[in-house]
All heavy atoms as atom14 arrays in JSON, in Angstrom:
{
  "sequence": "WAVYAEDKWRSLLMGRPPYIHRDEWDVDELQSSDFAPFQDHAYIP",
  "atom14_mask": [
    [1, 1, 1, 1, 1, 1, 1, 1, 1, 1, 1, 1, 1, 1],
    [1, 1, 1, 1, 1, 0, 0, 0, 0, 0, 0, 0, 0, 0],
    [1, 1, 1, 1, 1, 1, 1, 0, 0, 0, 0, 0, 0, 0],
    [1, 1, 1, 1, 1, 1, 1, 1, 1, 1, 1, 1, 0, 0],
    [1, 1, 1, 1, 1, 0, 0, 0, 0, 0, 0, 0, 0, 0],
    [1, 1, 1, 1, 1, 1, 1, 1, 1, 0, 0, 0, 0, 0],
    [1, 1, 1, 1, 1, 1, 1, 1, 0, 0, 0, 0, 0, 0],
    [1, 1, 1, 1, 1, 1, 1, 1, 1, 0, 0, 0, 0, 0],
    [1, 1, 1, 1, 1, 1, 1, 1, 1, 1, 1, 1, 1, 1],
    [1, 1, 1, 1, 1, 1, 1, 1, 1, 1, 1, 0, 0, 0],
    [1, 1, 1, 1, 1, 1, 0, 0, 0, 0, 0, 0, 0, 0],
    [1, 1, 1, 1, 1, 1, 1, 1, 0, 0, 0, 0, 0, 0],
    [1, 1, 1, 1, 1, 1, 1, 1, 0, 0, 0, 0, 0, 0],
    [1, 1, 1, 1, 1, 1, 1, 1, 0, 0, 0, 0, 0, 0],
    [1, 1, 1, 1, 0, 0, 0, 0, 0, 0, 0, 0, 0, 0],
    [1, 1, 1, 1, 1, 1, 1, 1, 1, 1, 1, 0, 0, 0],
    [1, 1, 1, 1, 1, 1, 1, 0, 0, 0, 0, 0, 0, 0],
    [1, 1, 1, 1, 1, 1, 1, 0, 0, 0, 0, 0, 0, 0],
    [1, 1, 1, 1, 1, 1, 1, 1, 1, 1, 1, 1, 0, 0],
    [1, 1, 1, 1, 1, 1, 1, 1, 0, 0, 0, 0, 0, 0],
    [1, 1, 1, 1, 1, 1, 1, 1, 1, 1, 0, 0, 0, 0],
    [1, 1, 1, 1, 1, 1, 1, 1, 1, 1, 1, 0, 0, 0],
    [1, 1, 1, 1, 1, 1, 1, 1, 0, 0, 0, 0, 0, 0],
    [1, 1, 1, 1, 1, 1, 1, 1, 1, 0, 0, 0, 0, 0],
    [1, 1, 1, 1, 1, 1, 1, 1, 1, 1, 1, 1, 1, 1],
    [1, 1, 1, 1, 1, 1, 1, 1, 0, 0, 0, 0, 0, 0],
    [1, 1, 1, 1, 1, 1, 1, 0, 0, 0, 0, 0, 0, 0],
    [1, 1, 1, 1, 1, 1, 1, 1, 0, 0, 0, 0, 0, 0],
    [1, 1, 1, 1, 1, 1, 1, 1, 1, 0, 0, 0, 0, 0],
    [1, 1, 1, 1, 1, 1, 1, 1, 0, 0, 0, 0, 0, 0],
    [1, 1, 1, 1, 1, 1, 1, 1, 1, 0, 0, 0, 0, 0],
    [1, 1, 1, 1, 1, 1, 0, 0, 0, 0, 0, 0, 0, 0],
    [1, 1, 1, 1, 1, 1, 0, 0, 0, 0, 0, 0, 0, 0],
    [1, 1, 1, 1, 1, 1, 1, 1, 0, 0, 0, 0, 0, 0],
    [1, 1, 1, 1, 1, 1, 1, 1, 1, 1, 1, 0, 0, 0],
    [1, 1, 1, 1, 1, 0, 0, 0, 0, 0, 0, 0, 0, 0],
    [1, 1, 1, 1, 1, 1, 1, 0, 0, 0, 0, 0, 0, 0],
    [1, 1, 1, 1, 1, 1, 1, 1, 1, 1, 1, 0, 0, 0],
    [1, 1, 1, 1, 1, 1, 1, 1, 1, 0, 0, 0, 0, 0],
    [1, 1, 1, 1, 1, 1, 1, 1, 0, 0, 0, 0, 0, 0],
    [1, 1, 1, 1, 1, 1, 1, 1, 1, 1, 0, 0, 0, 0],
    [1, 1, 1, 1, 1, 0, 0, 0, 0, 0, 0, 0, 0, 0],
    [1, 1, 1, 1, 1, 1, 1, 1, 1, 1, 1, 1, 0, 0],
    [1, 1, 1, 1, 1, 1, 1, 1, 0, 0, 0, 0, 0, 0],
    [1, 1, 1, 1, 1, 1, 1, 0, 0, 0, 0, 0, 0, 0]
  ],
  "atom14_positions": [
    [[-2.4, -0.56, 5.15], [-1.38, -1.12, 5.99], [-1.36, -2.64, 6.09], [-0.33, -3.25, 6.22], [-1.51, -0.54, 7.41], [-0.96, 0.88, 7.49], [-1.66, 2.05, 7.65], [0.4, 1.27, 7.37], [-0.83, 3.15, 7.64], [0.45, 2.68, 7.47], [1.56, 0.59, 7.16], [1.7, 3.37, 7.43], [2.79, 1.27, 7.04], [2.81, 2.65, 7.2]],
    [[-2.55, -3.27, 5.86], [-2.59, -4.7, 5.73], [-1.87, -5.19, 4.5], [-1.14, -6.18, 4.56], [-4.05, -5.16, 5.77], [0.0, 0.0, 0.0], [0.0, 0.0, 0.0], [0.0, 0.0, 0.0], [0.0, 0.0, 0.0], [0.0, 0.0, 0.0], [0.0, 0.0, 0.0], [0.0, 0.0, 0.0], [0.0, 0.0, 0.0], [0.0, 0.0, 0.0]],
    [[-2.1, -4.49, 3.4], [-1.39, -4.87, 2.13], [0.12, -4.6, 2.3], [0.95, -5.45, 1.88], [-1.95, -3.99, 0.92], [-1.09, -4.17, -0.28], [-3.38, -4.33, 0.68], [0.0, 0.0, 0.0], [0.0, 0.0, 0.0], [0.0, 0.0, 0.0], [0.0, 0.0, 0.0], [0.0, 0.0, 0.0], [0.0, 0.0, 0.0], [0.0, 0.0, 0.0]],
    [[0.47, -3.5, 2.89], [1.9, -3.2, 3.12], [2.55, -4.3, 3.95], [3.69, -4.78, 3.65], [2.06, -1.89, 3.86], [3.41, -1.43, 4.13], [4.16, -0.69, 3.16], [4.07, -1.69, 5.34], [5.46, -0.29, 3.46], [5.35, -1.32, 5.57], [6.01, -0.56, 4.63], [7.37, -0.16, 4.92], [0.0, 0.0, 0.0], [0.0, 0.0, 0.0]],
    [[1.87, -4.77, 5.01], [2.4, -5.83, 5.82], [2.6, -7.14, 5.06], [3.6, -7.79, 5.18], [1.49, -6.08, 7.03], [0.0, 0.0, 0.0], [0.0, 0.0, 0.0], [0.0, 0.0, 0.0], [0.0, 0.0, 0.0], [0.0, 0.0, 0.0], [0.0, 0.0, 0.0], [0.0, 0.0, 0.0], [0.0, 0.0, 0.0], [0.0, 0.0, 0.0]],
    [[1.6, -7.46, 4.19], [1.79, -8.65, 3.37], [3.02, -8.6, 2.49], [3.79, -9.54, 2.41], [0.55, -8.87, 2.48], [-0.65, -9.34, 3.16], [-0.46, -10.6, 3.99], [-0.04, -11.6, 3.36], [-0.64, -10.57, 5.19], [0.0, 0.0, 0.0], [0.0, 0.0, 0.0], [0.0, 0.0, 0.0], [0.0, 0.0, 0.0], [0.0, 0.0, 0.0]],
    [[3.23, -7.45, 1.89], [4.33, -7.27, 0.95], [5.64, -7.38, 1.71], [6.58, -8.1, 1.3], [4.25, -5.94, 0.3], [5.44, -5.65, -0.64], [5.63, -6.45, -1.55], [6.12, -4.65, -0.38], [0.0, 0.0, 0.0], [0.0, 0.0, 0.0], [0.0, 0.0, 0.0], [0.0, 0.0, 0.0], [0.0, 0.0, 0.0], [0.0, 0.0, 0.0]],
    [[5.75, -6.72, 2.9], [7.02, -6.67, 3.56], [7.4, -7.96, 4.3], [8.55, -8.41, 4.25], [7.03, -5.49, 4.6], [6.81, -4.13, 3.94], [7.78, -3.93, 2.75], [7.55, -2.66, 2.01], [8.4, -2.52, 0.78], [0.0, 0.0, 0.0], [0.0, 0.0, 0.0], [0.0, 0.0, 0.0], [0.0, 0.0, 0.0], [0.0, 0.0, 0.0]],
    [[6.45, -8.55, 4.98], [6.77, -9.85, 5.63], [7.01, -10.95, 4.66], [7.97, -11.72, 4.84], [5.63, -10.2, 6.62], [5.66, -9.37, 7.88], [4.92, -8.28, 8.16], [6.55, -9.55, 8.98], [5.22, -7.76, 9.38], [6.22, -8.55, 9.91], [7.57, -10.43, 9.3], [6.9, -8.42, 11.15], [8.22, -10.38, 10.47], [7.89, -9.36, 11.39]],
    [[6.21, -11.04, 3.64], [6.44, -12.16, 2.7], [7.7, -11.93, 1.84], [8.36, -12.87, 1.46], [5.17, -12.38, 1.84], [3.99, -12.88, 2.62], [2.86, -13.28, 1.7], [1.69, -13.61, 2.44], [1.41, -14.86, 2.89], [2.28, -15.85, 2.71], [0.26, -15.1, 3.57], [0.0, 0.0, 0.0], [0.0, 0.0, 0.0], [0.0, 0.0, 0.0]],
    [[8.0, -10.65, 1.54], [9.25, -10.36, 0.86], [10.45, -10.89, 1.61], [11.34, -11.51, 1.11], [9.33, -8.82, 0.59], [10.63, -8.48, 0.17], [0.0, 0.0, 0.0], [0.0, 0.0, 0.0], [0.0, 0.0, 0.0], [0.0, 0.0, 0.0], [0.0, 0.0, 0.0], [0.0, 0.0, 0.0], [0.0, 0.0, 0.0], [0.0, 0.0, 0.0]],
    [[10.4, -10.55, 2.92], [11.55, -10.97, 3.75], [11.59, -12.46, 3.94], [12.63, -13.15, 3.76], [11.44, -10.31, 5.16], [12.55, -10.69, 6.14], [13.89, -10.22, 5.72], [12.19, -10.06, 7.53], [0.0, 0.0, 0.0], [0.0, 0.0, 0.0], [0.0, 0.0, 0.0], [0.0, 0.0, 0.0], [0.0, 0.0, 0.0], [0.0, 0.0, 0.0]],
    [[10.45, -13.07, 4.28], [10.39, -14.53, 4.58], [10.57, -15.43, 3.37], [11.0, -16.57, 3.49], [9.12, -14.8, 5.34], [9.02, -14.28, 6.74], [7.56, -14.16, 7.21], [9.8, -15.06, 7.69], [0.0, 0.0, 0.0], [0.0, 0.0, 0.0], [0.0, 0.0, 0.0], [0.0, 0.0, 0.0], [0.0, 0.0, 0.0], [0.0, 0.0, 0.0]],
    [[10.15, -14.89, 2.18], [10.24, -15.73, 0.99], [11.47, -15.32, 0.13], [11.73, -16.0, -0.9], [8.97, -15.51, 0.16], [7.68, -16.01, 0.88], [6.19, -15.8, -0.13], [6.4, -17.08, -1.38], [0.0, 0.0, 0.0], [0.0, 0.0, 0.0], [0.0, 0.0, 0.0], [0.0, 0.0, 0.0], [0.0, 0.0, 0.0], [0.0, 0.0, 0.0]],
    [[12.21, -14.31, 0.54], [13.36, -13.92, -0.18], [13.03, -13.32, -1.56], [13.73, -13.73, -2.58], [0.0, 0.0, 0.0], [0.0, 0.0, 0.0], [0.0, 0.0, 0.0], [0.0, 0.0, 0.0], [0.0, 0.0, 0.0], [0.0, 0.0, 0.0], [0.0, 0.0, 0.0], [0.0, 0.0, 0.0], [0.0, 0.0, 0.0], [0.0, 0.0, 0.0]],
    [[12.13, -12.48, -1.65], [11.69, -11.86, -2.91], [11.83, -10.31, -2.81], [11.64, -9.77, -1.74], [10.25, -12.2, -3.25], [9.95, -13.65, -3.29], [10.44, -14.29, -4.55], [10.02, -15.65, -4.69], [10.74, -16.74, -4.23], [11.87, -16.55, -3.65], [10.21, -17.95, -4.42], [0.0, 0.0, 0.0], [0.0, 0.0, 0.0], [0.0, 0.0, 0.0]],
    [[12.15, -9.68, -3.92], [12.14, -8.19, -3.85], [10.74, -7.68, -3.64], [9.77, -8.17, -4.18], [12.57, -7.8, -5.29], [13.21, -9.08, -5.88], [12.51, -10.22, -5.28], [0.0, 0.0, 0.0], [0.0, 0.0, 0.0], [0.0, 0.0, 0.0], [0.0, 0.0, 0.0], [0.0, 0.0, 0.0], [0.0, 0.0, 0.0], [0.0, 0.0, 0.0]],
    [[10.55, -6.7, -2.76], [9.2, -6.22, -2.47], [8.58, -5.5, -3.6], [9.26, -4.96, -4.48], [9.49, -5.25, -1.26], [10.93, -4.82, -1.46], [11.63, -5.96, -2.01], [0.0, 0.0, 0.0], [0.0, 0.0, 0.0], [0.0, 0.0, 0.0], [0.0, 0.0, 0.0], [0.0, 0.0, 0.0], [0.0, 0.0, 0.0], [0.0, 0.0, 0.0]],
    [[7.25, -5.57, -3.61], [6.56, -4.81, -4.65], [6.38, -3.37, -4.28], [6.26, -2.53, -5.24], [5.15, -5.45, -4.8], [5.11, -6.8, -5.38], [4.83, -7.96, -4.61], [5.31, -7.04, -6.77], [4.77, -9.22, -5.07], [5.27, -8.3, -7.26], [5.01, -9.4, -6.45], [4.94, -10.67, -7.01], [0.0, 0.0, 0.0], [0.0, 0.0, 0.0]],
    [[6.3, -3.01, -3.05], [5.99, -1.61, -2.6], [7.34, -0.92, -2.3], [8.16, -1.41, -1.55], [5.11, -1.63, -1.37], [3.72, -2.28, -1.69], [4.87, -0.2, -0.81], [2.89, -2.46, -0.47], [0.0, 0.0, 0.0], [0.0, 0.0, 0.0], [0.0, 0.0, 0.0], [0.0, 0.0, 0.0], [0.0, 0.0, 0.0], [0.0, 0.0, 0.0]],
    [[7.47, 0.27, -2.9], [8.65, 1.11, -2.65], [8.29, 2.4, -1.99], [7.22, 2.99, -2.25], [9.37, 1.34, -4.02], [9.79, 0.06, -4.66], [10.89, -0.64, -4.28], [9.2, -0.66, -5.65], [11.02, -1.69, -5.06], [9.97, -1.76, -5.86], [0.0, 0.0, 0.0], [0.0, 0.0, 0.0], [0.0, 0.0, 0.0], [0.0, 0.0, 0.0]],
    [[9.19, 2.91, -1.1], [8.83, 3.97, -0.16], [8.47, 5.3, -0.88], [7.72, 6.09, -0.36], [10.03, 4.26, 0.75], [9.71, 5.25, 1.84], [8.54, 4.79, 2.69], [8.07, 5.8, 3.6], [7.07, 6.62, 3.35], [6.49, 6.64, 2.1], [6.63, 7.5, 4.22], [0.0, 0.0, 0.0], [0.0, 0.0, 0.0], [0.0, 0.0, 0.0]],
    [[9.02, 5.45, -2.15], [8.75, 6.74, -2.8], [7.4, 6.74, -3.53], [7.12, 7.67, -4.32], [9.91, 7.1, -3.77], [10.22, 6.02, -4.76], [9.59, 4.91, -4.63], [11.03, 6.24, -5.64], [0.0, 0.0, 0.0], [0.0, 0.0, 0.0], [0.0, 0.0, 0.0], [0.0, 0.0, 0.0], [0.0, 0.0, 0.0], [0.0, 0.0, 0.0]],
    [[6.58, 5.69, -3.37], [5.32, 5.58, -4.09], [4.12, 5.55, -3.19], [3.02, 5.2, -3.68], [5.34, 4.37, -5.0], [6.37, 4.43, -6.11], [6.05, 5.5, -7.18], [4.92, 6.02, -7.09], [6.84, 5.72, -8.1], [0.0, 0.0, 0.0], [0.0, 0.0, 0.0], [0.0, 0.0, 0.0], [0.0, 0.0, 0.0], [0.0, 0.0, 0.0]],
    [[4.21, 5.85, -1.9], [3.01, 5.94, -1.05], [3.26, 7.0, 0.0], [4.35, 7.39, 0.38], [2.74, 4.57, -0.44], [3.82, 4.03, 0.44], [4.89, 3.27, 0.06], [3.9, 4.16, 1.9], [5.63, 2.91, 1.13], [5.09, 3.46, 2.25], [3.18, 4.78, 2.86], [5.5, 3.4, 3.61], [3.53, 4.71, 4.21], [4.72, 4.01, 4.56]],
    [[2.14, 7.54, 0.5], [2.19, 8.62, 1.51], [1.18, 8.49, 2.59], [0.76, 9.46, 3.24], [2.16, 10.0, 0.84], [0.81, 10.27, 0.2], [-0.05, 9.37, 0.21], [0.61, 11.38, -0.35], [0.0, 0.0, 0.0], [0.0, 0.0, 0.0], [0.0, 0.0, 0.0], [0.0, 0.0, 0.0], [0.0, 0.0, 0.0], [0.0, 0.0, 0.0]],
    [[0.74, 7.28, 2.9], [-0.29, 7.07, 3.93], [0.31, 7.26, 5.28], [1.38, 6.74, 5.59], [-0.85, 5.64, 3.8], [-1.99, 5.42, 4.86], [-1.42, 5.38, 2.39], [0.0, 0.0, 0.0], [0.0, 0.0, 0.0], [0.0, 0.0, 0.0], [0.0, 0.0, 0.0], [0.0, 0.0, 0.0], [0.0, 0.0, 0.0], [0.0, 0.0, 0.0]],
    [[-0.39, 8.02, 6.14], [0.07, 8.26, 7.5], [-0.01, 6.98, 8.35], [-0.77, 6.08, 8.07], [-0.77, 9.33, 8.14], [-0.47, 10.69, 7.58], [0.53, 10.89, 7.02], [-1.34, 11.64, 7.82], [0.0, 0.0, 0.0], [0.0, 0.0, 0.0], [0.0, 0.0, 0.0], [0.0, 0.0, 0.0], [0.0, 0.0, 0.0], [0.0, 0.0, 0.0]],
    [[0.8, 6.88, 9.37], [0.69, 5.79, 10.26], [-0.62, 5.82, 11.01], [-1.27, 6.82, 11.17], [1.91, 5.83, 11.28], [3.24, 5.62, 10.62], [4.36, 5.48, 11.64], [4.1, 5.15, 12.79], [5.53, 5.72, 11.25], [0.0, 0.0, 0.0], [0.0, 0.0, 0.0], [0.0, 0.0, 0.0], [0.0, 0.0, 0.0], [0.0, 0.0, 0.0]],
    [[-0.97, 4.65, 11.47], [-2.32, 4.46, 12.09], [-2.44, 5.26, 13.37], [-1.49, 5.27, 14.21], [-2.61, 3.01, 12.36], [-2.86, 2.17, 11.09], [-2.85, 0.67, 11.46], [-4.2, 2.53, 10.46], [0.0, 0.0, 0.0], [0.0, 0.0, 0.0], [0.0, 0.0, 0.0], [0.0, 0.0, 0.0], [0.0, 0.0, 0.0], [0.0, 0.0, 0.0]],
    [[-3.57, 5.8, 13.67], [-3.94, 6.49, 14.85], [-5.19, 5.88, 15.44], [-5.93, 5.08, 14.77], [-4.19, 7.97, 14.62], [-3.09, 8.68, 13.88], [-1.8, 8.78, 14.68], [-1.82, 8.81, 15.93], [-0.66, 8.76, 13.98], [0.0, 0.0, 0.0], [0.0, 0.0, 0.0], [0.0, 0.0, 0.0], [0.0, 0.0, 0.0], [0.0, 0.0, 0.0]],
    [[-5.49, 6.1, 16.71], [-6.69, 5.6, 17.27], [-7.93, 5.94, 16.53], [-8.92, 5.19, 16.44], [-6.81, 5.98, 18.79], [-6.84, 7.35, 18.9], [0.0, 0.0, 0.0], [0.0, 0.0, 0.0], [0.0, 0.0, 0.0], [0.0, 0.0, 0.0], [0.0, 0.0, 0.0], [0.0, 0.0, 0.0], [0.0, 0.0, 0.0], [0.0, 0.0, 0.0]],
    [[-7.9, 7.16, 15.92], [-9.06, 7.59, 15.18], [-9.4, 6.76, 13.98], [-10.51, 6.77, 13.41], [-8.86, 9.1, 14.75], [-7.71, 9.2, 13.95], [0.0, 0.0, 0.0], [0.0, 0.0, 0.0], [0.0, 0.0, 0.0], [0.0, 0.0, 0.0], [0.0, 0.0, 0.0], [0.0, 0.0, 0.0], [0.0, 0.0, 0.0], [0.0, 0.0, 0.0]],
    [[-8.42, 5.99, 13.56], [-8.58, 5.11, 12.33], [-9.35, 3.83, 12.71], [-9.65, 3.01, 11.8], [-7.26, 4.74, 11.74], [-6.49, 5.93, 11.19], [-7.14, 6.73, 10.49], [-5.28, 6.07, 11.49], [0.0, 0.0, 0.0], [0.0, 0.0, 0.0], [0.0, 0.0, 0.0], [0.0, 0.0, 0.0], [0.0, 0.0, 0.0], [0.0, 0.0, 0.0]],
    [[-9.7, 3.73, 13.98], [-10.54, 2.59, 14.44], [-11.85, 3.06, 15.08], [-12.55, 2.25, 15.59], [-9.75, 1.78, 15.41], [-8.47, 1.22, 14.88], [-7.26, 1.9, 15.06], [-8.48, 0.06, 14.14], [-6.1, 1.36, 14.53], [-7.28, -0.44, 13.62], [-6.15, 0.25, 13.84], [0.0, 0.0, 0.0], [0.0, 0.0, 0.0], [0.0, 0.0, 0.0]],
    [[-12.09, 4.36, 15.02], [-13.36, 4.9, 15.58], [-14.52, 4.29, 14.79], [-14.35, 3.93, 13.63], [-13.38, 6.43, 15.49], [0.0, 0.0, 0.0], [0.0, 0.0, 0.0], [0.0, 0.0, 0.0], [0.0, 0.0, 0.0], [0.0, 0.0, 0.0], [0.0, 0.0, 0.0], [0.0, 0.0, 0.0], [0.0, 0.0, 0.0], [0.0, 0.0, 0.0]],
    [[-15.69, 4.11, 15.43], [-15.96, 4.52, 16.86], [-15.68, 3.4, 17.84], [-16.15, 3.42, 18.94], [-17.51, 4.75, 16.78], [-17.97, 3.76, 15.7], [-16.89, 3.67, 14.69], [0.0, 0.0, 0.0], [0.0, 0.0, 0.0], [0.0, 0.0, 0.0], [0.0, 0.0, 0.0], [0.0, 0.0, 0.0], [0.0, 0.0, 0.0], [0.0, 0.0, 0.0]],
    [[-14.88, 2.37, 17.45], [-14.6, 1.27, 18.36], [-13.09, 1.46, 18.9], [-12.23, 0.71, 18.57], [-14.67, -0.08, 17.65], [-15.99, -0.31, 17.02], [-16.26, 0.11, 15.72], [-17.01, -0.94, 17.75], [-17.53, -0.09, 15.14], [-18.28, -1.11, 17.17], [-18.5, -0.76, 15.88], [0.0, 0.0, 0.0], [0.0, 0.0, 0.0], [0.0, 0.0, 0.0]],
    [[-12.87, 2.45, 19.62], [-11.52, 2.72, 20.12], [-11.31, 1.97, 21.45], [-11.47, 2.52, 22.53], [-11.31, 4.25, 20.33], [-11.48, 5.02, 19.03], [-11.18, 6.5, 19.23], [-10.35, 6.86, 19.99], [-11.94, 7.37, 18.52], [0.0, 0.0, 0.0], [0.0, 0.0, 0.0], [0.0, 0.0, 0.0], [0.0, 0.0, 0.0], [0.0, 0.0, 0.0]],
    [[-10.92, 0.7, 21.28], [-10.73, -0.12, 22.44], [-9.39, -0.88, 22.28], [-8.75, -0.78, 21.27], [-11.86, -1.08, 22.75], [-12.2, -1.94, 21.55], [-11.27, -2.32, 20.83], [-13.42, -2.23, 21.34], [0.0, 0.0, 0.0], [0.0, 0.0, 0.0], [0.0, 0.0, 0.0], [0.0, 0.0, 0.0], [0.0, 0.0, 0.0], [0.0, 0.0, 0.0]],
    [[-9.09, -1.7, 23.26], [-7.77, -2.39, 23.18], [-7.66, -3.48, 22.11], [-6.67, -3.88, 21.78], [-7.48, -3.02, 24.57], [-7.2, -1.98, 25.61], [-6.06, -1.23, 25.58], [-7.89, -1.58, 26.73], [-6.07, -0.42, 26.67], [-7.17, -0.6, 27.31], [0.0, 0.0, 0.0], [0.0, 0.0, 0.0], [0.0, 0.0, 0.0], [0.0, 0.0, 0.0]],
    [[-8.83, -3.83, 21.53], [-8.77, -4.85, 20.51], [-8.0, -4.41, 19.28], [-7.59, -5.18, 18.51], [-10.25, -5.14, 20.06], [0.0, 0.0, 0.0], [0.0, 0.0, 0.0], [0.0, 0.0, 0.0], [0.0, 0.0, 0.0], [0.0, 0.0, 0.0], [0.0, 0.0, 0.0], [0.0, 0.0, 0.0], [0.0, 0.0, 0.0], [0.0, 0.0, 0.0]],
    [[-7.83, -3.06, 19.17], [-7.09, -2.52, 17.96], [-5.59, -2.42, 18.21], [-4.86, -2.2, 17.29], [-7.7, -1.25, 17.55], [-9.16, -1.31, 17.19], [-10.09, -0.92, 18.15], [-9.54, -1.79, 16.02], [-11.44, -1.06, 17.83], [-10.88, -1.94, 15.68], [-11.81, -1.57, 16.64], [-13.14, -1.65, 16.35], [0.0, 0.0, 0.0], [0.0, 0.0, 0.0]],
    [[-5.17, -2.38, 19.44], [-3.78, -2.19, 19.72], [-2.84, -3.16, 18.99], [-1.81, -2.79, 18.41], [-3.51, -2.2, 21.26], [-4.07, -0.92, 21.88], [-2.0, -2.27, 21.56], [-3.95, -0.87, 23.35], [0.0, 0.0, 0.0], [0.0, 0.0, 0.0], [0.0, 0.0, 0.0], [0.0, 0.0, 0.0], [0.0, 0.0, 0.0], [0.0, 0.0, 0.0]],
    [[-3.18, -4.45, 18.93], [-2.26, -5.39, 18.27], [-1.94, -4.99, 16.81], [-0.76, -5.03, 16.42], [-3.02, -6.68, 18.33], [-3.82, -6.65, 19.52], [-4.23, -5.17, 19.63], [0.0, 0.0, 0.0], [0.0, 0.0, 0.0], [0.0, 0.0, 0.0], [0.0, 0.0, 0.0], [0.0, 0.0, 0.0], [0.0, 0.0, 0.0], [0.0, 0.0, 0.0]]
  ]
}
């Protein structure tokens, strides 16, 4: 998701075609369990 964010924000802000296309990845959206065992508010951002 950090790589995805780099691609999407810089694609938009720099006016470039994105490298990542939706039909080539299947990672689920983040859940609180993806930050275990440190499930605190530091991860919400």
